[in-house]
PDB file of all heavy atoms in Angstrom:
ATOM      1  N   ARG A   1      80.096  93.872 102.997  1.00  0.00           N
ATOM      2  CA  ARG A   1      79.579  94.827 103.959  1.00  0.00           C
ATOM      3  C   ARG A   1      78.949  96.051 103.316  1.00  0.00           C
ATOM      4  O   ARG A   1      77.934  96.561 103.774  1.00  0.00           O
ATOM      5  CB  ARG A   1      80.685  95.252 104.932  1.00  0.00           C
ATOM      6  CG  ARG A   1      80.203  96.229 106.028  1.00  0.00           C
ATOM      7  CD  ARG A   1      81.247  96.450 107.072  1.00  0.00           C
ATOM      8  NE  ARG A   1      80.833  97.509 108.039  1.00  0.00           N
ATOM      9  CZ  ARG A   1      80.050  97.271 109.093  1.00  0.00           C
ATOM     10  NH1 ARG A   1      79.609  96.075 109.366  1.00  0.00           N
ATOM     11  NH2 ARG A   1      79.726  98.280 109.894  1.00  0.00           N
ATOM     12  N   TYR A   2      79.597  96.575 102.261  1.00  0.00           N
ATOM     13  CA  TYR A   2      79.165  97.830 101.663  1.00  0.00           C
ATOM     14  C   TYR A   2      78.543  97.720 100.281  1.00  0.00           C
ATOM     15  O   TYR A   2      78.012  98.711  99.777  1.00  0.00           O
ATOM     16  CB  TYR A   2      80.352  98.809 101.579  1.00  0.00           C
ATOM     17  CG  TYR A   2      81.029  99.021 102.911  1.00  0.00           C
ATOM     18  CD1 TYR A   2      82.314  98.493 103.136  1.00  0.00           C
ATOM     19  CD2 TYR A   2      80.451  99.727 103.940  1.00  0.00           C
ATOM     20  CE1 TYR A   2      82.962  98.679 104.334  1.00  0.00           C
ATOM     21  CE2 TYR A   2      81.072  99.929 105.135  1.00  0.00           C
ATOM     22  CZ  TYR A   2      82.337  99.408 105.356  1.00  0.00           C
ATOM     23  OH  TYR A   2      82.972  99.584 106.551  1.00  0.00           O
ATOM     24  N   GLY A   3      78.696  96.594  99.658  1.00  0.00           N
ATOM     25  CA  GLY A   3      78.250  96.439  98.268  1.00  0.00           C
ATOM     26  C   GLY A   3      79.258  96.956  97.284  1.00  0.00           C
ATOM     27  O   GLY A   3      79.017  97.033  96.075  1.00  0.00           O
ATOM     28  N   GLU A   4      80.453  97.337  97.778  1.00  0.00           N
ATOM     29  CA  GLU A   4      81.557  97.814  96.934  1.00  0.00           C
ATOM     30  C   GLU A   4      82.851  97.330  97.541  1.00  0.00           C
ATOM     31  O   GLU A   4      83.100  97.447  98.744  1.00  0.00           O
ATOM     32  CB  GLU A   4      81.561  99.348  96.951  1.00  0.00           C
ATOM     33  CG  GLU A   4      82.671  99.961  96.136  1.00  0.00           C
ATOM     34  CD  GLU A   4      82.697 101.487  96.202  1.00  0.00           C
ATOM     35  OE1 GLU A   4      81.767 102.091  96.742  1.00  0.00           O
ATOM     36  OE2 GLU A   4      83.689 102.059  95.716  1.00  0.00           O
ATOM     37  N   GLY A   5      83.724  96.753  96.674  1.00  0.00           N
ATOM     38  CA  GLY A   5      85.007  96.271  97.136  1.00  0.00           C
ATOM     39  C   GLY A   5      86.018  97.383  97.227  1.00  0.00           C
ATOM     40  O   GLY A   5      86.272  98.079  96.249  1.00  0.00           O
ATOM     41  N   VAL A   6      86.582  97.575  98.403  1.00  0.00           N
ATOM     42  CA  VAL A   6      87.541  98.657  98.662  1.00  0.00           C
ATOM     43  C   VAL A   6      88.780  98.008  99.372  1.00  0.00           C
ATOM     44  O   VAL A   6      88.608  97.138 100.201  1.00  0.00           O
ATOM     45  CB  VAL A   6      86.968  99.750  99.583  1.00  0.00           C
ATOM     46  CG1 VAL A   6      87.885 100.908  99.724  1.00  0.00           C
ATOM     47  CG2 VAL A   6      85.608 100.189  99.058  1.00  0.00           C
ATOM     48  N   SER A   7      89.973  98.512  99.064  1.00  0.00           N
ATOM     49  CA  SER A   7      91.162  98.018  99.759  1.00  0.00           C
ATOM     50  C   SER A   7      92.232  99.089  99.796  1.00  0.00           C
ATOM     51  O   SER A   7      92.918  99.367  98.816  1.00  0.00           O
ATOM     52  CB  SER A   7      91.704  96.775  99.107  1.00  0.00           C
ATOM     53  OG  SER A   7      92.908  96.375  99.682  1.00  0.00           O
ATOM     54  N   ASP A   8      92.393  99.701 100.966  1.00  0.00           N
ATOM     55  CA  ASP A   8      93.495 100.667 101.132  1.00  0.00           C
ATOM     56  C   ASP A   8      94.840  99.968 100.980  1.00  0.00           C
ATOM     57  O   ASP A   8      95.791 100.550 100.446  1.00  0.00           O
ATOM     58  CB  ASP A   8      93.476 101.305 102.544  1.00  0.00           C
ATOM     59  CG  ASP A   8      92.398 102.360 102.684  1.00  0.00           C
ATOM     60  OD1 ASP A   8      91.898 102.864 101.648  1.00  0.00           O
ATOM     61  OD2 ASP A   8      92.073 102.759 103.824  1.00  0.00           O
ATOM     62  N   GLN A   9      94.916  98.725 101.452  1.00  0.00           N
ATOM     63  CA  GLN A   9      96.170  97.940 101.359  1.00  0.00           C
ATOM     64  C   GLN A   9      96.592  97.805  99.901  1.00  0.00           C
ATOM     65  O   GLN A   9      97.741  98.028  99.548  1.00  0.00           O
ATOM     66  CB  GLN A   9      95.917  96.577 102.022  1.00  0.00           C
ATOM     67  CG  GLN A   9      97.094  95.697 102.128  1.00  0.00           C
ATOM     68  CD  GLN A   9      96.809  94.435 102.990  1.00  0.00           C
ATOM     69  OE1 GLN A   9      97.625  94.049 103.752  1.00  0.00           O
ATOM     70  NE2 GLN A   9      95.647  93.812 102.799  1.00  0.00           N
ATOM     71  N   ALA A  10      95.636  97.479  99.011  1.00  0.00           N
ATOM     72  CA  ALA A  10      95.946  97.345  97.593  1.00  0.00           C
ATOM     73  C   ALA A  10      96.272  98.684  96.979  1.00  0.00           C
ATOM     74  O   ALA A  10      97.176  98.810  96.185  1.00  0.00           O
ATOM     75  CB  ALA A  10      94.786  96.678  96.868  1.00  0.00           C
ATOM     76  N   ASN A  11      95.518  99.738  97.353  1.00  0.00           N
ATOM     77  CA  ASN A  11      95.776 101.050  96.817  1.00  0.00           C
ATOM     78  C   ASN A  11      97.186 101.562  97.195  1.00  0.00           C
ATOM     79  O   ASN A  11      97.860 102.149  96.352  1.00  0.00           O
ATOM     80  CB  ASN A  11      94.749 102.080  97.313  1.00  0.00           C
ATOM     81  CG  ASN A  11      93.371 101.823  96.710  1.00  0.00           C
ATOM     82  OD1 ASN A  11      93.248 101.147  95.686  1.00  0.00           O
ATOM     83  ND2 ASN A  11      92.363 102.350  97.355  1.00  0.00           N
ATOM     84  N   ARG A  12      97.610 101.270  98.424  1.00  0.00           N
ATOM     85  CA  ARG A  12      98.990 101.646  98.807  1.00  0.00           C
ATOM     86  C   ARG A  12     100.012 100.888  97.984  1.00  0.00           C
ATOM     87  O   ARG A  12     101.015 101.450  97.532  1.00  0.00           O
ATOM     88  CB  ARG A  12      99.235 101.377 100.298  1.00  0.00           C
ATOM     89  CG  ARG A  12      98.637 102.413 101.231  1.00  0.00           C
ATOM     90  CD  ARG A  12      99.112 102.243 102.644  1.00  0.00           C
ATOM     91  NE  ARG A  12      98.889 100.938 103.212  1.00  0.00           N
ATOM     92  CZ  ARG A  12      97.772 100.522 103.785  1.00  0.00           C
ATOM     93  NH1 ARG A  12      96.760 101.357 103.869  1.00  0.00           N
ATOM     94  NH2 ARG A  12      97.645  99.303 104.286  1.00  0.00           N
ATOM     95  N   ALA A  13      99.767  99.595  97.768  1.00  0.00           N
ATOM     96  CA  ALA A  13     100.703  98.776  96.959  1.00  0.00           C
ATOM     97  C   ALA A  13     100.759  99.308  95.526  1.00  0.00           C
ATOM     98  O   ALA A  13     101.845  99.422  94.960  1.00  0.00           O
ATOM     99  CB  ALA A  13     100.283  97.320  97.010  1.00  0.00           C
ATOM    100  N   ILE A  14      99.614  99.618  94.964  1.00  0.00           N
ATOM    101  CA  ILE A  14      99.567 100.122  93.578  1.00  0.00           C
ATOM    102  C   ILE A  14     100.308 101.463  93.497  1.00  0.00           C
ATOM    103  O   ILE A  14     101.072 101.702  92.561  1.00  0.00           O
ATOM    104  CB  ILE A  14      98.114 100.253  93.094  1.00  0.00           C
ATOM    105  CG1 ILE A  14      97.504  98.863  92.891  1.00  0.00           C
ATOM    106  CG2 ILE A  14      98.028 101.072  91.806  1.00  0.00           C
ATOM    107  CD1 ILE A  14      96.001  98.844  92.724  1.00  0.00           C
ATOM    108  N   SER A  15     100.123 102.329  94.484  1.00  0.00           N
ATOM    109  CA  SER A  15     100.826 103.629  94.510  1.00  0.00           C
ATOM    110  C   SER A  15     102.337 103.408  94.578  1.00  0.00           C
ATOM    111  O   SER A  15     103.097 104.080  93.896  1.00  0.00           O
ATOM    112  CB  SER A  15     100.359 104.456  95.695  1.00  0.00           C
ATOM    113  OG  SER A  15      99.020 104.819  95.551  1.00  0.00           O
ATOM    114  N   THR A  16     102.755 102.471  95.427  1.00  0.00           N
ATOM    115  CA  THR A  16     104.183 102.171  95.581  1.00  0.00           C
ATOM    116  C   THR A  16     104.734 101.636  94.262  1.00  0.00           C
ATOM    117  O   THR A  16     105.810 102.092  93.810  1.00  0.00           O
ATOM    118  CB  THR A  16     104.416 101.166  96.707  1.00  0.00           C
ATOM    119  OG1 THR A  16     103.926 101.757  97.905  1.00  0.00           O
ATOM    120  CG2 THR A  16     105.886 100.813  96.850  1.00  0.00           C
ATOM    121  N   ILE A  17     104.025 100.743  93.613  1.00  0.00           N
ATOM    122  CA  ILE A  17     104.465 100.187  92.320  1.00  0.00           C
ATOM    123  C   ILE A  17     104.566 101.305  91.286  1.00  0.00           C
ATOM    124  O   ILE A  17     105.510 101.418  90.538  1.00  0.00           O
ATOM    125  CB  ILE A  17     103.523  99.074  91.834  1.00  0.00           C
ATOM    126  CG1 ILE A  17     103.697  97.848  92.755  1.00  0.00           C
ATOM    127  CG2 ILE A  17     103.805  98.715  90.401  1.00  0.00           C
ATOM    128  CD1 ILE A  17     102.591  96.800  92.569  1.00  0.00           C
ATOM    129  N   GLY A  18     103.571 102.223  91.270  1.00  0.00           N
ATOM    130  CA  GLY A  18     103.583 103.323  90.331  1.00  0.00           C
ATOM    131  C   GLY A  18     104.756 104.234  90.596  1.00  0.00           C
ATOM    132  O   GLY A  18     105.412 104.684  89.649  1.00  0.00           O
ATOM    133  N   PHE A  19     105.039 104.542  91.844  1.00  0.00           N
ATOM    134  CA  PHE A  19     106.188 105.406  92.176  1.00  0.00           C
ATOM    135  C   PHE A  19     107.497 104.777  91.751  1.00  0.00           C
ATOM    136  O   PHE A  19     108.343 105.402  91.139  1.00  0.00           O
ATOM    137  CB  PHE A  19     106.212 105.699  93.690  1.00  0.00           C
ATOM    138  CG  PHE A  19     107.392 106.491  94.111  1.00  0.00           C
ATOM    139  CD1 PHE A  19     107.477 107.830  93.865  1.00  0.00           C
ATOM    140  CD2 PHE A  19     108.470 105.850  94.729  1.00  0.00           C
ATOM    141  CE1 PHE A  19     108.617 108.547  94.231  1.00  0.00           C
ATOM    142  CE2 PHE A  19     109.612 106.581  95.102  1.00  0.00           C
ATOM    143  CZ  PHE A  19     109.681 107.932  94.855  1.00  0.00           C
ATOM    144  N   VAL A  20     107.659 103.482  92.071  1.00  0.00           N
ATOM    145  CA  VAL A  20     108.910 102.764  91.708  1.00  0.00           C
ATOM    146  C   VAL A  20     109.069 102.746  90.175  1.00  0.00           C
ATOM    147  O   VAL A  20     110.132 102.968  89.670  1.00  0.00           O
ATOM    148  CB  VAL A  20     108.920 101.344  92.322  1.00  0.00           C
ATOM    149  CG1 VAL A  20     110.054 100.508  91.746  1.00  0.00           C
ATOM    150  CG2 VAL A  20     109.028 101.441  93.844  1.00  0.00           C
ATOM    151  N   THR A  21     107.976 102.466  89.481  1.00  0.00           N
ATOM    152  CA  THR A  21     108.034 102.452  88.014  1.00  0.00           C
ATOM    153  C   THR A  21     108.366 103.818  87.440  1.00  0.00           C
ATOM    154  O   THR A  21     109.200 103.923  86.559  1.00  0.00           O
ATOM    155  CB  THR A  21     106.655 101.961  87.458  1.00  0.00           C
ATOM    156  OG1 THR A  21     106.366 100.697  87.998  1.00  0.00           O
ATOM    157  CG2 THR A  21     106.680 101.900  85.941  1.00  0.00           C
ATOM    158  N   ALA A  22     107.763 104.883  88.019  1.00  0.00           N
ATOM    159  CA  ALA A  22     108.089 106.226  87.545  1.00  0.00           C
ATOM    160  C   ALA A  22     109.532 106.579  87.827  1.00  0.00           C
ATOM    161  O   ALA A  22     110.228 107.173  86.979  1.00  0.00           O
ATOM    162  CB  ALA A  22     107.143 107.235  88.173  1.00  0.00           C
ATOM    163  N   ALA A  23     110.013 106.245  89.013  1.00  0.00           N
ATOM    164  CA  ALA A  23     111.403 106.531  89.384  1.00  0.00           C
ATOM    165  C   ALA A  23     112.365 105.782  88.460  1.00  0.00           C
ATOM    166  O   ALA A  23     113.362 106.353  87.977  1.00  0.00           O
ATOM    167  CB  ALA A  23     111.673 106.181  90.828  1.00  0.00           C
ATOM    168  N   ALA A  24     112.096 104.513  88.186  1.00  0.00           N
ATOM    169  CA  ALA A  24     112.924 103.736  87.300  1.00  0.00           C
ATOM    170  C   ALA A  24     112.916 104.351  85.910  1.00  0.00           C
ATOM    171  O   ALA A  24     113.995 104.449  85.269  1.00  0.00           O
ATOM    172  CB  ALA A  24     112.466 102.280  87.246  1.00  0.00           C
ATOM    173  N   GLY A  25     111.769 104.781  85.441  1.00  0.00           N
ATOM    174  CA  GLY A  25     111.691 105.443  84.124  1.00  0.00           C
ATOM    175  C   GLY A  25     112.470 106.729  84.080  1.00  0.00           C
ATOM    176  O   GLY A  25     113.208 107.015  83.107  1.00  0.00           O
ATOM    177  N   ALA A  26     112.399 107.521  85.159  1.00  0.00           N
ATOM    178  CA  ALA A  26     113.155 108.798  85.229  1.00  0.00           C
ATOM    179  C   ALA A  26     114.663 108.541  85.197  1.00  0.00           C
ATOM    180  O   ALA A  26     115.404 109.204  84.497  1.00  0.00           O
ATOM    181  CB  ALA A  26     112.752 109.564  86.487  1.00  0.00           C
ATOM    182  N   PHE A  27     115.090 107.537  85.982  1.00  0.00           N
ATOM    183  CA  PHE A  27     116.534 107.217  86.004  1.00  0.00           C
ATOM    184  C   PHE A  27     116.991 106.720  84.636  1.00  0.00           C
ATOM    185  O   PHE A  27     118.067 107.051  84.152  1.00  0.00           O
ATOM    186  CB  PHE A  27     116.869 106.205  87.086  1.00  0.00           C
ATOM    187  CG  PHE A  27     116.871 106.797  88.478  1.00  0.00           C
ATOM    188  CD1 PHE A  27     116.055 106.272  89.458  1.00  0.00           C
ATOM    189  CD2 PHE A  27     117.678 107.878  88.768  1.00  0.00           C
ATOM    190  CE1 PHE A  27     116.066 106.821  90.726  1.00  0.00           C
ATOM    191  CE2 PHE A  27     117.671 108.437  90.026  1.00  0.00           C
ATOM    192  CZ  PHE A  27     116.871 107.937  91.023  1.00  0.00           C
ATOM    193  N   SER A  28     116.166 105.936  83.971  1.00  0.00           N
ATOM    194  CA  SER A  28     116.524 105.437  82.621  1.00  0.00           C
ATOM    195  C   SER A  28     116.638 106.617  81.642  1.00  0.00           C
ATOM    196  O   SER A  28     117.524 106.676  80.840  1.00  0.00           O
ATOM    197  CB  SER A  28     115.456 104.480  82.112  1.00  0.00           C
ATOM    198  OG  SER A  28     115.468 103.295  82.866  1.00  0.00           O
TER     199      SER A  28
END
């Protein structure tokens, strides 16, 4: 549609993964 691939769904998942990874690192 736009000539550029965009996905809020994927961005939310990546943010969640990043947060969980950072939290796990902080607890470690």
